[in-house]
Amino acid sequence: MSKNIYSLINKDRVYMKILFTHELFPPDIAGGGEVTVYEIVKRLKERNVDLIVLCSGNPKIKEYKGIETFRLPVNRYLFNFAFHWIYRYAKKFKPDLIHTNNYNACFPSYVVAKTIKRPILCHIHEVYNEKWLKMRGPIFGTFSRIVERLQVRHDFDKFIFFSSFMRDSAVRIGIPKERTEVIKPGVNWKKFKVGKKEPFVLFVGNLIKRKGLDYLIEAAKRLNNVEFLIVGRGPERNRLEKIATPNVKFLGYVPTETLIDLYSRALVFCLPSIGEGFGIVLLEAMASGCAIVSTIPLDYEGFKVGMGNVDQLVDSIDWLIKNQK
């Protein structure tokens, strides 16, 4: 199974049947992972590949934009125990390949693939490894590290990663490097536009601890003449609003058209995560001409800063604002 396995599929002929498993699938979206899985499935569907998607959610939703889906009546975390359902659909569909995605779909999909003797590809969206300790503390962080290893460290036929950095992290927890490939994701750049840039900083994402918003808010306190716009929702919003200064605006969820407009006008896009697999929002921001300040080690124009390093955040944002071209 090579790096270019899907690029070899002819547009006029079905070469294989693929069963996709992921804990969520649009219209249920918790992050960039669901968007990435949808884009892969969509393009395979355009090449006449016979496929179905198995995920959690409302069983009444049978398809999404022409893609057949089977949604299990469990939450995303209980998908770890969905052996019976995956086996049932796999036996009925008879796939040539199972394409699973971490985290919660990995282990049951692996067990089923080995049971029915089908190859299985594991698409790793993130590997946090030691970062769990910083995100969840010593007790829950250690537990999460153990669970992560139990979910992904199995005899998959192939592992796909979004970046070399992510693959290296996975190799450290025991995933064999010879079975890995790095295939960087993309975005539909035609959706985005580059507008007249304005001197504000944009963040887009879930308002959860691992996104590092505490550090961004601390940076905003030191750059009180710069406006910071926070797009997204999540359990941390109320707490973050209480500690934020007036130059930080929380916009909550915004429609796609509004988000595209914000990207187009933002001079700086900042992603200060302390745990992040890849960050699809970085690609969306770059497609919109934003300068990037991020903790994610990728190849792009902008600044990479250390996780939790407020001084570097302040210096990077300040330089970009003052040196706008």
Protein backbone atom coordinates (compact mmCIF):
# COMPACT_ATOMS: atom_id res chain seq x y z
CA MET A 1 0.00 0.00 0.00
CA SER A 2 1.87 3.07 -1.22
CA LYS A 3 1.74 6.75 -0.40
CA ASN A 4 -0.13 7.40 -3.64
CA ILE A 5 -2.71 4.64 -3.23
CA TYR A 6 -5.69 6.95 -3.69
CA SER A 7 -4.14 8.94 -6.53
CA LEU A 8 -3.97 5.71 -8.57
CA ILE A 9 -7.75 5.32 -8.58
CA ASN A 10 -9.01 6.00 -12.10
CA LYS A 11 -11.91 8.44 -12.36
CA ASP A 12 -13.84 6.15 -14.70
CA ARG A 13 -13.59 2.86 -12.85
CA VAL A 14 -14.12 1.50 -9.35
CA TYR A 15 -10.95 -0.19 -8.12
CA MET A 16 -12.00 -0.81 -4.55
CA LYS A 17 -14.64 -0.63 -1.87
CA ILE A 18 -13.67 1.37 1.20
CA LEU A 19 -15.27 1.46 4.62
CA PHE A 20 -14.45 4.71 6.43
CA THR A 21 -14.79 4.87 10.21
CA HIS A 22 -14.53 8.03 12.26
CA GLU A 23 -16.13 9.09 15.51
CA LEU A 24 -17.85 12.04 13.79
CA PHE A 25 -18.76 13.07 10.26
CA PRO A 26 -20.44 16.20 8.89
CA PRO A 27 -22.83 17.76 9.58
CA ASP A 28 -21.48 16.87 13.05
CA ILE A 29 -18.18 18.75 13.28
CA ALA A 30 -15.99 19.08 16.37
CA GLY A 31 -12.82 20.21 14.59
CA GLY A 32 -10.64 19.98 11.51
CA GLY A 33 -10.57 16.18 11.57
CA GLU A 34 -14.14 15.85 10.39
CA VAL A 35 -13.53 18.35 7.60
CA THR A 36 -10.45 16.43 6.45
CA VAL A 37 -12.25 13.08 6.42
CA TYR A 38 -15.12 14.61 4.45
CA GLU A 39 -12.75 16.09 1.85
CA ILE A 40 -11.02 12.72 1.37
CA VAL A 41 -14.31 10.85 1.08
CA LYS A 42 -15.74 13.47 -1.27
CA ARG A 43 -12.84 13.21 -3.70
CA LEU A 44 -12.85 9.41 -3.66
CA LYS A 45 -16.58 9.52 -4.34
CA GLU A 46 -15.89 11.77 -7.35
CA ARG A 47 -13.59 9.01 -8.65
CA ASN A 48 -16.45 6.52 -8.47
CA VAL A 49 -15.04 4.64 -5.49
CA ASP A 50 -17.69 2.57 -3.72
CA LEU A 51 -17.63 3.67 -0.09
CA ILE A 52 -19.64 4.14 3.08
CA VAL A 53 -18.92 6.09 6.26
CA LEU A 54 -19.58 4.66 9.71
CA CYS A 55 -19.66 7.18 12.56
CA SER A 56 -21.58 8.19 15.68
CA GLY A 57 -24.62 10.45 15.55
CA ASN A 58 -28.27 10.51 14.63
CA PRO A 59 -29.21 7.26 12.83
CA LYS A 60 -31.89 9.15 10.89
CA ILE A 61 -29.18 10.97 8.91
CA LYS A 62 -28.52 8.49 6.10
CA GLU A 63 -26.36 10.64 3.84
CA TYR A 64 -24.45 13.88 3.66
CA LYS A 65 -24.08 15.64 0.31
CA GLY A 66 -24.44 12.39 -1.59
CA ILE A 67 -22.20 10.35 0.74
CA GLU A 68 -23.86 7.33 2.35
CA THR A 69 -23.46 7.32 6.14
CA PHE A 70 -24.42 4.94 8.92
CA ARG A 71 -24.56 6.71 12.27
CA LEU A 72 -24.48 4.74 15.49
CA PRO A 73 -26.69 5.88 18.39
CA VAL A 74 -23.73 6.41 20.74
CA ASN A 75 -21.60 9.42 21.61
CA ARG A 76 -18.17 9.75 20.03
CA TYR A 77 -16.31 8.33 23.05
CA LEU A 78 -18.38 5.14 23.20
CA PHE A 79 -17.32 4.48 19.61
CA ASN A 80 -14.35 2.72 21.24
CA PHE A 81 -16.75 -0.15 21.96
CA ALA A 82 -18.54 -0.25 18.58
CA PHE A 83 -17.11 -3.66 17.61
CA HIS A 84 -20.48 -5.25 16.88
CA TRP A 85 -21.72 -2.45 14.63
CA ILE A 86 -18.49 -2.13 12.67
CA TYR A 87 -18.34 -5.90 12.18
CA ARG A 88 -21.97 -5.99 11.10
CA TYR A 89 -21.55 -3.29 8.43
CA ALA A 90 -18.18 -4.63 7.30
CA LYS A 91 -19.61 -8.12 6.73
CA LYS A 92 -22.50 -6.64 4.77
CA PHE A 93 -20.47 -4.15 2.71
CA LYS A 94 -17.44 -6.44 2.15
CA PRO A 95 -14.83 -3.66 1.80
CA ASP A 96 -11.46 -4.16 0.18
CA LEU A 97 -9.99 -1.68 2.66
CA ILE A 98 -10.94 -0.12 5.99
CA HIS A 99 -9.79 3.47 6.47
CA THR A 100 -10.04 4.49 10.12
CA ASN A 101 -9.13 7.70 11.94
CA ASN A 102 -7.92 8.31 15.46
CA TYR A 103 -8.88 8.37 18.17
CA ASN A 104 -12.08 6.58 19.12
CA ALA A 105 -12.68 4.60 15.93
CA CYS A 106 -9.20 3.08 15.75
CA PHE A 107 -9.25 0.08 18.06
CA PRO A 108 -12.66 -1.42 17.20
CA SER A 109 -11.96 -0.93 13.48
CA TYR A 110 -8.60 -2.66 13.88
CA VAL A 111 -10.17 -5.66 15.63
CA VAL A 112 -12.83 -5.98 12.91
CA ALA A 113 -10.28 -5.67 10.09
CA LYS A 114 -8.18 -8.47 11.54
CA THR A 115 -11.29 -10.58 12.15
CA ILE A 116 -12.52 -10.33 8.55
CA LYS A 117 -8.96 -10.34 7.17
CA ARG A 118 -9.01 -6.98 5.41
CA PRO A 119 -6.17 -4.42 5.22
CA ILE A 120 -6.63 -1.38 7.42
CA LEU A 121 -5.17 2.10 7.12
CA CYS A 122 -5.02 4.32 10.21
CA HIS A 123 -5.11 8.06 9.57
CA ILE A 124 -3.55 9.78 12.59
CA HIS A 125 -4.92 13.29 13.08
CA GLU A 126 -2.93 14.01 16.21
CA VAL A 127 -0.52 12.38 18.66
CA TYR A 128 -0.14 14.28 21.92
CA ASN A 129 2.14 11.85 23.80
CA GLU A 130 3.86 13.85 26.56
CA LYS A 131 1.70 16.92 25.86
CA TRP A 132 -1.16 15.16 27.66
CA LEU A 133 0.56 15.99 30.95
CA LYS A 134 0.46 19.70 30.22
CA MET A 135 -3.10 19.59 28.94
CA ARG A 136 -4.65 17.44 31.68
CA GLY A 137 -2.22 17.36 34.58
CA PRO A 138 -0.18 14.44 35.99
CA ILE A 139 -3.06 12.06 36.82
CA PHE A 140 -5.49 12.47 33.91
CA GLY A 141 -2.59 13.26 31.57
CA THR A 142 -0.87 9.95 32.37
CA PHE A 143 -4.16 8.10 31.89
CA SER A 144 -4.69 9.83 28.52
CA ARG A 145 -1.19 8.85 27.37
CA ILE A 146 -1.95 5.21 28.17
CA VAL A 147 -5.29 5.35 26.35
CA GLU A 148 -3.66 6.99 23.32
CA ARG A 149 -1.17 4.16 23.04
CA LEU A 150 -3.89 1.54 23.42
CA GLN A 151 -5.89 3.16 20.63
CA VAL A 152 -3.24 3.61 17.94
CA ARG A 153 -0.30 1.31 18.71
CA HIS A 154 -1.52 -1.75 16.83
CA ASP A 155 -0.55 -3.75 13.77
CA PHE A 156 -2.16 -1.47 11.17
CA ASP A 157 -1.06 -2.06 7.60
CA LYS A 158 -0.32 1.63 7.09
CA PHE A 159 -0.28 4.82 9.15
CA ILE A 160 -0.79 8.23 7.54
CA PHE A 161 0.27 11.46 9.27
CA PHE A 162 -0.27 15.12 8.46
CA SER A 163 3.32 16.13 9.22
CA SER A 164 6.79 14.75 9.93
CA PHE A 165 6.61 16.28 13.40
CA MET A 166 3.46 14.28 14.14
CA ARG A 167 5.00 11.09 12.76
CA ASP A 168 8.11 11.52 14.90
CA SER A 169 5.92 11.87 17.97
CA ALA A 170 4.08 8.66 17.03
CA VAL A 171 7.32 6.76 16.48
CA ARG A 172 8.30 7.67 20.04
CA ILE A 173 5.28 5.77 21.36
CA GLY A 174 6.12 2.67 19.36
CA ILE A 175 4.54 3.04 15.91
CA PRO A 176 6.90 1.45 13.32
CA LYS A 177 8.30 4.16 11.05
CA GLU A 178 8.55 1.83 8.05
CA ARG A 179 4.76 1.61 7.93
CA THR A 180 4.20 5.36 7.99
CA GLU A 181 3.61 7.98 5.33
CA VAL A 182 3.34 11.75 5.65
CA ILE A 183 0.61 13.24 3.47
CA LYS A 184 -0.11 16.86 4.25
CA PRO A 185 -3.76 17.91 4.06
CA GLY A 186 -5.07 20.77 2.00
CA VAL A 187 -8.02 23.11 1.87
CA ASN A 188 -10.27 24.25 -0.93
CA TRP A 189 -8.43 27.53 -1.52
CA LYS A 190 -11.10 28.71 -3.94
CA LYS A 191 -13.40 29.26 -0.93
CA PHE A 192 -11.08 31.88 0.54
CA LYS A 193 -10.01 35.35 -0.54
CA VAL A 194 -7.34 37.90 0.29
CA GLY A 195 -8.84 41.26 1.18
CA LYS A 196 -7.51 44.55 2.46
CA LYS A 197 -5.65 43.63 5.62
CA GLU A 198 -6.52 45.29 8.92
CA PRO A 199 -4.25 45.33 12.01
CA PHE A 200 -6.05 42.77 14.14
CA VAL A 201 -5.24 39.25 15.36
CA LEU A 202 -7.61 36.38 14.62
CA PHE A 203 -8.03 33.04 16.39
CA VAL A 204 -10.39 30.31 15.15
CA GLY A 205 -11.02 27.11 17.07
CA ASN A 206 -12.68 25.35 19.95
CA LEU A 207 -12.43 27.20 23.26
CA ILE A 208 -10.76 24.40 25.17
CA LYS A 209 -7.64 24.32 27.31
CA ARG A 210 -5.29 22.75 24.79
CA LYS A 211 -5.79 25.66 22.37
CA GLY A 212 -3.59 27.82 24.61
CA LEU A 213 -5.92 30.82 24.75
CA ASP A 214 -4.73 31.78 28.23
CA TYR A 215 -1.39 32.66 26.66
CA LEU A 216 -2.99 34.60 23.82
CA ILE A 217 -5.08 36.61 26.29
CA GLU A 218 -1.97 37.36 28.33
CA ALA A 219 -0.27 38.56 25.14
CA ALA A 220 -3.30 40.75 24.40
CA LYS A 221 -2.92 42.42 27.79
CA ARG A 222 0.58 43.54 26.78
CA LEU A 223 -0.59 44.64 23.33
CA ASN A 224 -3.61 46.63 24.47
CA ASN A 225 -3.61 48.78 21.32
CA VAL A 226 -4.19 45.69 19.13
CA GLU A 227 -7.60 44.08 18.65
CA PHE A 228 -7.89 40.30 19.12
CA LEU A 229 -10.91 38.48 17.66
CA ILE A 230 -11.73 35.01 19.03
CA VAL A 231 -13.99 32.84 16.86
CA GLY A 232 -15.38 29.61 18.27
CA ARG A 233 -17.27 28.16 21.16
CA GLY A 234 -16.51 25.77 23.97
CA PRO A 235 -16.50 25.15 27.72
CA GLU A 236 -13.72 27.65 28.44
CA ARG A 237 -15.50 30.71 27.04
CA ASN A 238 -16.98 32.11 30.28
CA ARG A 239 -13.70 31.77 32.16
CA LEU A 240 -11.69 33.29 29.32
CA GLU A 241 -14.05 36.25 28.98
CA LYS A 242 -13.59 37.02 32.68
CA ILE A 243 -9.81 37.29 32.39
CA ALA A 244 -9.70 39.03 28.99
CA THR A 245 -9.03 42.73 28.47
CA PRO A 246 -11.39 44.98 26.43
CA ASN A 247 -9.28 44.60 23.27
CA VAL A 248 -10.25 40.89 23.12
CA LYS A 249 -13.61 40.22 21.46
CA PHE A 250 -15.35 36.83 21.64
CA LEU A 251 -17.50 36.27 18.54
CA GLY A 252 -18.68 32.72 19.25
CA TYR A 253 -19.80 30.66 16.29
CA VAL A 254 -19.96 32.59 13.02
CA PRO A 255 -21.40 31.51 9.63
CA THR A 256 -18.97 30.38 6.94
CA GLU A 257 -19.39 33.61 4.96
CA THR A 258 -18.51 35.70 8.02
CA LEU A 259 -15.51 33.51 8.81
CA ILE A 260 -14.16 33.85 5.27
CA ASP A 261 -14.53 37.63 5.56
CA LEU A 262 -12.66 37.69 8.89
CA TYR A 263 -9.84 35.59 7.43
CA SER A 264 -9.61 37.92 4.43
CA ARG A 265 -9.24 41.03 6.61
CA ALA A 266 -7.05 39.68 9.43
CA LEU A 267 -3.42 40.72 9.26
CA VAL A 268 -2.31 38.10 11.78
CA PHE A 269 -3.67 34.64 12.54
CA CYS A 270 -2.53 33.11 15.82
CA LEU A 271 -2.78 29.49 16.96
CA PRO A 272 -1.08 29.20 20.38
CA SER A 273 -2.01 25.55 21.04
CA ILE A 274 -0.23 23.44 23.61
CA GLY A 275 -1.55 20.34 21.85
CA GLU A 276 -2.47 20.25 18.16
CA GLY A 277 -2.27 17.63 15.45
CA PHE A 278 -1.92 19.90 12.44
CA GLY A 279 -4.31 22.82 12.53
CA ILE A 280 -6.42 23.01 9.37
CA VAL A 281 -7.26 26.58 10.35
CA LEU A 282 -3.63 27.47 9.61
CA LEU A 283 -4.12 26.45 5.99
CA GLU A 284 -7.36 28.41 5.79
CA ALA A 285 -5.58 31.47 7.20
CA MET A 286 -2.68 31.12 4.77
CA ALA A 287 -5.13 30.75 1.87
CA SER A 288 -6.50 34.12 3.01
CA GLY A 289 -3.12 35.84 3.10
CA CYS A 290 -2.75 36.04 6.89
CA ALA A 291 0.65 36.20 8.56
CA ILE A 292 0.97 33.23 10.92
CA VAL A 293 2.02 33.04 14.56
CA SER A 294 1.77 29.46 15.77
CA THR A 295 3.20 26.77 18.01
CA ILE A 296 2.84 24.21 15.20
CA PRO A 297 6.14 23.40 13.43
CA LEU A 298 5.11 23.71 9.77
CA ASP A 299 6.65 25.24 6.66
CA TYR A 300 5.02 28.63 6.19
CA GLU A 301 5.65 32.35 6.23
CA GLY A 302 5.35 33.61 9.77
CA PHE A 303 6.63 32.90 13.26
CA LYS A 304 6.82 29.65 15.20
CA VAL A 305 6.68 30.28 18.94
CA GLY A 306 7.26 28.03 21.91
CA MET A 307 4.27 26.48 23.63
CA GLY A 308 3.21 28.71 26.51
CA ASN A 309 5.82 31.35 25.65
CA VAL A 310 3.94 34.64 26.04
CA ASP A 311 7.05 36.75 25.39
CA GLN A 312 7.48 35.17 21.95
CA LEU A 313 3.79 35.65 21.18
CA VAL A 314 4.01 39.34 22.07
CA ASP A 315 7.22 39.92 20.12
CA SER A 316 5.97 38.09 17.00
CA ILE A 317 2.56 39.77 16.88
CA ASP A 318 4.04 43.19 17.63
CA TRP A 319 6.61 42.84 14.83
CA LEU A 320 3.99 41.77 12.27
CA ILE A 321 1.64 44.62 13.19
CA LYS A 322 4.42 47.21 13.01
CA ASN A 323 5.87 45.85 9.77
CA GLN A 324 2.69 45.42 7.78
CA LYS A 325 3.38 45.63 4.06
